[in-house]
């Protein structure tokens, strides 16, 4: 039997319910609309999370490097 190529390329994703104040959704929607193209709320939030994680990793790496040079 040949595997379905679509299902073999789709990553498994976890879901969560996110509760935020209405003002936060309004700010997200304003930011989305300011960007060219049509970007979903989910994509915008996913990008924001990835950016935050990257900053946290950079900060952790910087702290580790400073500790090694101390």
C-alpha atoms as a PDB file:
ATOM      1  CA  UNK A   1       0.000   0.000   0.000  1.00  0.00           C
ATOM      2  CA  UNK A   2       1.360   3.452  -0.960  1.00  0.00           C
ATOM      3  CA  UNK A   3       1.370   5.992   1.883  1.00  0.00           C
ATOM      4  CA  UNK A   4      -0.633   9.161   1.356  1.00  0.00           C
ATOM      5  CA  UNK A   5       1.988  11.782   0.450  1.00  0.00           C
ATOM      6  CA  UNK A   6      -0.054  14.580   2.011  1.00  0.00           C
ATOM      7  CA  UNK A   7      -0.334  12.893   5.402  1.00  0.00           C
ATOM      8  CA  UNK A   8       3.342  11.976   5.406  1.00  0.00           C
ATOM      9  CA  UNK A   9       4.408  15.627   5.028  1.00  0.00           C
ATOM     10  CA  UNK A  10       2.040  17.147   7.597  1.00  0.00           C
ATOM     11  CA  UNK A  11       3.594  17.678  11.019  1.00  0.00           C
ATOM     12  CA  UNK A  12       1.722  16.724  14.132  1.00  0.00           C
ATOM     13  CA  UNK A  13       0.593  19.889  15.875  1.00  0.00           C
ATOM     14  CA  UNK A  14      -0.698  20.389  19.384  1.00  0.00           C
ATOM     15  CA  UNK A  15      -3.693  22.612  20.018  1.00  0.00           C
ATOM     16  CA  UNK A  16      -4.427  24.944  22.871  1.00  0.00           C
ATOM     17  CA  UNK A  17      -7.138  27.387  23.796  1.00  0.00           C
ATOM     18  CA  UNK A  18      -5.804  30.867  24.319  1.00  0.00           C
ATOM     19  CA  UNK A  19      -7.717  33.387  26.380  1.00  0.00           C
ATOM     20  CA  UNK A  20      -6.652  36.998  25.920  1.00  0.00           C
ATOM     21  CA  UNK A  21      -8.377  40.308  26.578  1.00  0.00           C
ATOM     22  CA  UNK A  22     -10.300  41.755  23.659  1.00  0.00           C
ATOM     23  CA  UNK A  23      -7.860  44.656  23.518  1.00  0.00           C
ATOM     24  CA  UNK A  24      -5.034  42.226  22.838  1.00  0.00           C
ATOM     25  CA  UNK A  25      -6.916  40.686  19.917  1.00  0.00           C
ATOM     26  CA  UNK A  26      -7.602  44.190  18.600  1.00  0.00           C
ATOM     27  CA  UNK A  27      -3.884  45.030  18.799  1.00  0.00           C
ATOM     28  CA  UNK A  28      -2.980  41.757  17.063  1.00  0.00           C
ATOM     29  CA  UNK A  29      -5.507  42.414  14.312  1.00  0.00           C
ATOM     30  CA  UNK A  30      -4.175  45.959  13.822  1.00  0.00           C
ATOM     31  CA  UNK A  31      -0.626  44.601  13.528  1.00  0.00           C
ATOM     32  CA  UNK A  32      -1.781  41.944  11.069  1.00  0.00           C
ATOM     33  CA  UNK A  33      -3.557  44.479   8.896  1.00  0.00           C
ATOM     34  CA  UNK A  34      -0.473  46.718   8.827  1.00  0.00           C
ATOM     35  CA  UNK A  35       1.507  43.943   7.154  1.00  0.00           C
ATOM     36  CA  UNK A  36       1.296  43.281   3.439  1.00  0.00           C
ATOM     37  CA  UNK A  37      -0.663  40.226   2.433  1.00  0.00           C
ATOM     38  CA  UNK A  38      -3.259  38.329   4.412  1.00  0.00           C
ATOM     39  CA  UNK A  39      -1.843  36.798   7.571  1.00  0.00           C
ATOM     40  CA  UNK A  40      -3.977  34.800   9.972  1.00  0.00           C
ATOM     41  CA  UNK A  41      -4.158  35.449  13.688  1.00  0.00           C
ATOM     42  CA  UNK A  42      -2.742  31.975  14.266  1.00  0.00           C
ATOM     43  CA  UNK A  43       0.256  32.682  12.032  1.00  0.00           C
ATOM     44  CA  UNK A  44       0.857  36.061  13.684  1.00  0.00           C
ATOM     45  CA  UNK A  45       0.719  34.560  17.184  1.00  0.00           C
ATOM     46  CA  UNK A  46       2.954  31.661  16.126  1.00  0.00           C
ATOM     47  CA  UNK A  47       5.529  34.105  14.756  1.00  0.00           C
ATOM     48  CA  UNK A  48       5.362  36.148  17.974  1.00  0.00           C
ATOM     49  CA  UNK A  49       5.974  33.045  20.090  1.00  0.00           C
ATOM     50  CA  UNK A  50       8.898  31.990  17.893  1.00  0.00           C
ATOM     51  CA  UNK A  51      10.433  35.482  18.150  1.00  0.00           C
ATOM     52  CA  UNK A  52      10.122  35.425  21.953  1.00  0.00           C
ATOM     53  CA  UNK A  53      11.697  31.963  22.159  1.00  0.00           C
ATOM     54  CA  UNK A  54      14.590  33.121  19.951  1.00  0.00           C
ATOM     55  CA  UNK A  55      15.207  36.122  22.250  1.00  0.00           C
ATOM     56  CA  UNK A  56      15.121  33.864  25.314  1.00  0.00           C
ATOM     57  CA  UNK A  57      17.635  31.485  23.681  1.00  0.00           C
ATOM     58  CA  UNK A  58      19.928  34.393  22.771  1.00  0.00           C
ATOM     59  CA  UNK A  59      19.762  35.769  26.310  1.00  0.00           C
ATOM     60  CA  UNK A  60      20.490  32.344  27.800  1.00  0.00           C
ATOM     61  CA  UNK A  61      23.410  31.841  25.401  1.00  0.00           C
ATOM     62  CA  UNK A  62      24.794  35.303  26.261  1.00  0.00           C
ATOM     63  CA  UNK A  63      24.562  34.582  29.978  1.00  0.00           C
ATOM     64  CA  UNK A  64      26.311  31.230  29.530  1.00  0.00           C
ATOM     65  CA  UNK A  65      29.106  32.891  27.514  1.00  0.00           C
ATOM     66  CA  UNK A  66      29.511  35.601  30.163  1.00  0.00           C
ATOM     67  CA  UNK A  67      29.711  32.956  32.889  1.00  0.00           C
ATOM     68  CA  UNK A  68      32.426  31.086  30.958  1.00  0.00           C
ATOM     69  CA  UNK A  69      34.508  34.250  30.604  1.00  0.00           C
ATOM     70  CA  UNK A  70      34.157  35.251  34.254  1.00  0.00           C
END
